[in-house]
Amino acid sequence: LMRPLRGCRARGVVVGTVTLCLAAGWALQTPGGVSLVVPQPNINATVAQNVLLSVEYSSRGIATIEWKHVSSWGTTKIVEWKSGNYVNVSTVYKDRVTTFENGSIQLLNVGMRDAGYYFVTVTEEYGTNTYGTIIVNVYEIIYEDLHFVAVLFAFLAAVSAILICFMWLCNKSLHLFQKKTTHKLTASTTEEIELETIEC
């Protein structure tokens, strides 16, 4: 009974291994299979800053990457390119966008109108596609400047108060020192007058 069982197990292992190899080979030959990762789906930026919209895609074939911007002003196509081939940048974003091989883009010198939703679509040559979204919030620098000025003003006011207190203490000490010196001089002058009187 032991020998036939071993034979069955060996056949089962061989059949299982062959099946696994065939399945792996079939999966590698099957068209399709594109994935996309968005590591930072929410970005805060200030006016005039450069913003990196970072993604990472993988594809078995040649992929086409397309970025669109959707805001209250409407939908605008930013850029479209095929990996290793052409790059088609819309006229609105000419000289303001840089593309990267991993599917990321960088927006240069952002303004308030650049706030909104950024949609990326990665389409494989076999027709499979995947999507990603990044929300960009753009803030005006004036608020940060006012905050900086307020903090700087408070710091300078505190330093001024400390210096005024220090000067007041120095002035008080000087007056006390002058009073003691005057008193000593008066006492020594009186002693000299008395000595002169005695000598006469």
Protein backbone atom coordinates (compact mmCIF):
# COMPACT_ATOMS: atom_id res chain seq x y z
CA LEU A 1 0.00 0.00 0.00
CA MET A 2 2.88 2.33 0.68
CA ARG A 3 4.39 2.19 -2.83
CA PRO A 4 1.25 3.08 -4.82
CA LEU A 5 0.60 6.04 -2.51
CA ARG A 6 4.08 7.36 -3.14
CA GLY A 7 3.54 6.98 -6.88
CA CYS A 8 0.26 8.95 -6.68
CA ARG A 9 1.88 11.70 -4.69
CA ALA A 10 4.76 11.97 -7.14
CA ARG A 11 2.34 12.12 -10.08
CA GLY A 12 0.28 14.75 -8.25
CA VAL A 13 3.36 16.91 -7.65
CA VAL A 14 4.43 16.61 -11.29
CA VAL A 15 0.93 17.38 -12.58
CA GLY A 16 0.64 20.33 -10.16
CA THR A 17 4.01 21.73 -11.22
CA VAL A 18 3.20 21.39 -14.93
CA THR A 19 -0.19 23.05 -14.40
CA LEU A 20 1.42 25.92 -12.47
CA CYS A 21 4.04 26.47 -15.20
CA LEU A 22 1.38 26.43 -17.93
CA ALA A 23 -0.76 28.91 -15.98
CA ALA A 24 2.22 31.22 -15.45
CA GLY A 25 3.10 31.04 -19.15
CA TRP A 26 -0.48 31.74 -20.14
CA ALA A 27 -0.66 34.73 -17.78
CA LEU A 28 2.52 36.20 -19.24
CA GLN A 29 1.19 35.88 -22.78
CA THR A 30 -2.23 37.25 -21.96
CA PRO A 31 -2.58 40.88 -23.08
CA GLY A 32 -3.50 43.48 -20.47
CA GLY A 33 -2.30 44.14 -16.99
CA VAL A 34 -1.64 47.75 -16.07
CA SER A 35 -1.39 49.08 -12.53
CA LEU A 36 -1.08 52.58 -11.07
CA VAL A 37 -0.03 53.79 -7.61
CA VAL A 38 -0.68 57.35 -6.34
CA PRO A 39 1.50 57.82 -3.22
CA GLN A 40 0.25 61.35 -2.37
CA PRO A 41 -3.40 61.90 -3.37
CA ASN A 42 -3.68 65.30 -1.63
CA ILE A 43 -1.14 68.11 -2.17
CA ASN A 44 -1.02 71.57 -0.56
CA ALA A 45 0.93 74.26 -2.41
CA THR A 46 1.43 78.02 -2.39
CA VAL A 47 1.28 80.40 -5.34
CA ALA A 48 4.43 80.38 -7.56
CA GLN A 49 5.58 77.01 -6.16
CA ASN A 50 6.50 74.00 -8.33
CA VAL A 51 4.27 70.98 -7.66
CA LEU A 52 5.13 67.33 -8.38
CA LEU A 53 2.10 65.14 -9.15
CA SER A 54 3.74 61.81 -8.39
CA VAL A 55 2.47 58.45 -9.68
CA GLU A 56 4.05 55.11 -10.51
CA TYR A 57 2.62 52.84 -13.20
CA SER A 58 3.58 49.42 -14.50
CA SER A 59 2.47 47.86 -17.76
CA ARG A 60 3.24 44.75 -19.78
CA GLY A 61 3.07 46.64 -23.04
CA ILE A 62 3.49 50.20 -24.29
CA ALA A 63 1.26 52.54 -22.31
CA THR A 64 -0.24 55.95 -23.05
CA ILE A 65 -0.39 58.41 -20.12
CA GLU A 66 -2.89 61.26 -20.10
CA TRP A 67 -3.35 64.01 -17.48
CA LYS A 68 -6.44 66.24 -17.16
CA HIS A 69 -7.25 69.10 -14.78
CA VAL A 70 -10.83 69.57 -13.54
CA SER A 71 -11.81 72.68 -11.56
CA SER A 72 -14.61 75.21 -11.30
CA TRP A 73 -13.23 76.82 -14.50
CA GLY A 74 -13.75 73.60 -16.48
CA THR A 75 -11.80 70.58 -17.72
CA THR A 76 -8.44 71.02 -19.41
CA LYS A 77 -6.23 68.39 -20.99
CA ILE A 78 -2.68 68.96 -19.75
CA VAL A 79 -0.49 66.41 -21.50
CA GLU A 80 -0.56 63.05 -23.23
CA TRP A 81 2.40 60.86 -24.10
CA LYS A 82 3.29 57.30 -24.99
CA SER A 83 6.14 55.65 -23.09
CA GLY A 84 9.30 56.07 -25.13
CA ASN A 85 7.55 58.13 -27.85
CA TYR A 86 5.85 61.48 -28.41
CA VAL A 87 4.80 64.05 -25.78
CA ASN A 88 1.77 66.22 -26.59
CA VAL A 89 1.44 69.22 -24.21
CA SER A 90 -1.60 71.50 -24.48
CA THR A 91 -0.93 75.15 -25.31
CA VAL A 92 -2.28 76.30 -21.90
CA TYR A 93 0.48 74.32 -20.14
CA LYS A 94 3.28 74.95 -22.66
CA ASP A 95 6.59 75.55 -20.79
CA ARG A 96 4.81 74.84 -17.47
CA VAL A 97 4.80 71.04 -17.34
CA THR A 98 7.57 68.43 -17.14
CA THR A 99 6.85 64.73 -17.77
CA PHE A 100 8.59 61.74 -16.21
CA GLU A 101 8.95 58.12 -17.38
CA ASN A 102 7.03 56.75 -14.36
CA GLY A 103 3.92 58.77 -15.38
CA SER A 104 4.45 61.70 -12.99
CA ILE A 105 4.30 65.33 -14.04
CA GLN A 106 5.59 68.53 -12.48
CA LEU A 107 3.67 71.79 -12.73
CA LEU A 108 5.83 74.90 -12.65
CA ASN A 109 4.84 78.22 -11.07
CA VAL A 110 1.32 77.24 -9.95
CA GLY A 111 -1.43 79.82 -9.50
CA MET A 112 -4.85 79.88 -7.88
CA ARG A 113 -6.42 78.52 -11.09
CA ASP A 114 -4.27 75.39 -10.80
CA ALA A 115 -6.20 74.22 -7.74
CA GLY A 116 -8.57 71.31 -8.33
CA TYR A 117 -8.60 67.66 -9.34
CA TYR A 118 -5.93 66.09 -11.51
CA PHE A 119 -6.92 62.87 -13.28
CA VAL A 120 -4.32 60.55 -14.77
CA THR A 121 -5.28 57.74 -17.16
CA VAL A 122 -2.83 55.00 -18.12
CA THR A 123 -4.00 53.03 -21.18
CA GLU A 124 -2.14 49.94 -22.35
CA GLU A 125 -1.82 49.15 -26.06
CA TYR A 126 -4.21 46.19 -25.61
CA GLY A 127 -6.95 48.53 -24.35
CA THR A 128 -6.64 47.94 -20.60
CA ASN A 129 -6.62 51.17 -18.59
CA THR A 130 -6.44 52.42 -15.01
CA TYR A 131 -7.12 55.77 -13.35
CA GLY A 132 -5.74 57.91 -10.55
CA THR A 133 -6.74 61.20 -8.91
CA ILE A 134 -4.74 63.87 -7.09
CA ILE A 135 -6.31 66.87 -5.35
CA VAL A 136 -4.20 70.05 -5.36
CA ASN A 137 -4.97 72.93 -2.97
CA VAL A 138 -3.26 76.24 -3.78
CA TYR A 139 -2.97 79.00 -1.16
CA GLU A 140 -1.93 82.61 -1.56
CA ILE A 141 1.40 83.58 -0.04
CA ILE A 142 0.00 86.77 1.50
CA TYR A 143 -1.42 84.84 4.48
CA GLU A 144 1.95 83.30 5.22
CA ASP A 145 3.62 86.70 4.85
CA LEU A 146 1.19 88.29 7.31
CA HIS A 147 1.77 85.45 9.76
CA PHE A 148 5.53 85.90 9.42
CA VAL A 149 5.24 89.68 9.92
CA ALA A 150 3.06 89.20 13.01
CA VAL A 151 5.52 86.74 14.56
CA LEU A 152 8.46 89.01 13.71
CA PHE A 153 6.66 92.04 15.19
CA ALA A 154 5.90 90.13 18.42
CA PHE A 155 9.53 89.01 18.66
CA LEU A 156 10.85 92.55 18.12
CA ALA A 157 8.38 93.95 20.68
CA ALA A 158 9.58 91.41 23.26
CA VAL A 159 13.23 92.23 22.56
CA SER A 160 12.44 95.97 22.82
CA ALA A 161 10.68 95.48 26.17
CA ILE A 162 13.66 93.53 27.53
CA LEU A 163 16.09 96.23 26.34
CA ILE A 164 13.96 99.00 27.89
CA CYS A 165 13.90 97.13 31.24
CA PHE A 166 17.67 96.61 31.03
CA MET A 167 18.26 100.31 30.30
CA TRP A 168 15.99 101.31 33.20
CA LEU A 169 17.94 99.04 35.57
CA CYS A 170 21.24 100.44 34.31
CA ASN A 171 19.96 104.00 34.79
CA LYS A 172 18.80 103.21 38.38
CA SER A 173 22.16 101.60 39.21
CA LEU A 174 23.99 104.61 37.78
CA HIS A 175 21.92 107.04 39.93
CA LEU A 176 22.58 104.96 43.07
CA PHE A 177 26.29 104.85 42.27
CA GLN A 178 26.37 108.64 41.70
CA LYS A 179 24.56 109.29 45.03
CA LYS A 180 27.06 107.14 46.96
CA THR A 181 30.01 108.84 45.23
CA THR A 182 28.58 112.32 45.96
CA HIS A 183 27.97 111.39 49.63
CA LYS A 184 31.56 110.12 49.98
CA LEU A 185 32.93 113.26 48.35
CA THR A 186 30.88 115.46 50.68
CA ALA A 187 32.09 113.51 53.73
CA SER A 188 35.75 113.72 52.67
CA THR A 189 35.45 117.47 51.90
CA THR A 190 33.96 118.06 55.36
CA GLU A 191 36.84 116.13 56.96
CA GLU A 192 39.38 118.19 55.02
CA ILE A 193 37.75 121.46 56.15
CA GLU A 194 37.79 120.26 59.75
CA LEU A 195 41.47 119.28 59.49
CA GLU A 196 42.38 122.65 58.01
CA THR A 197 40.51 124.37 60.84
CA ILE A 198 42.35 122.31 63.45
CA GLU A 199 45.73 123.03 61.84
CA CYS A 200 45.07 126.78 61.90
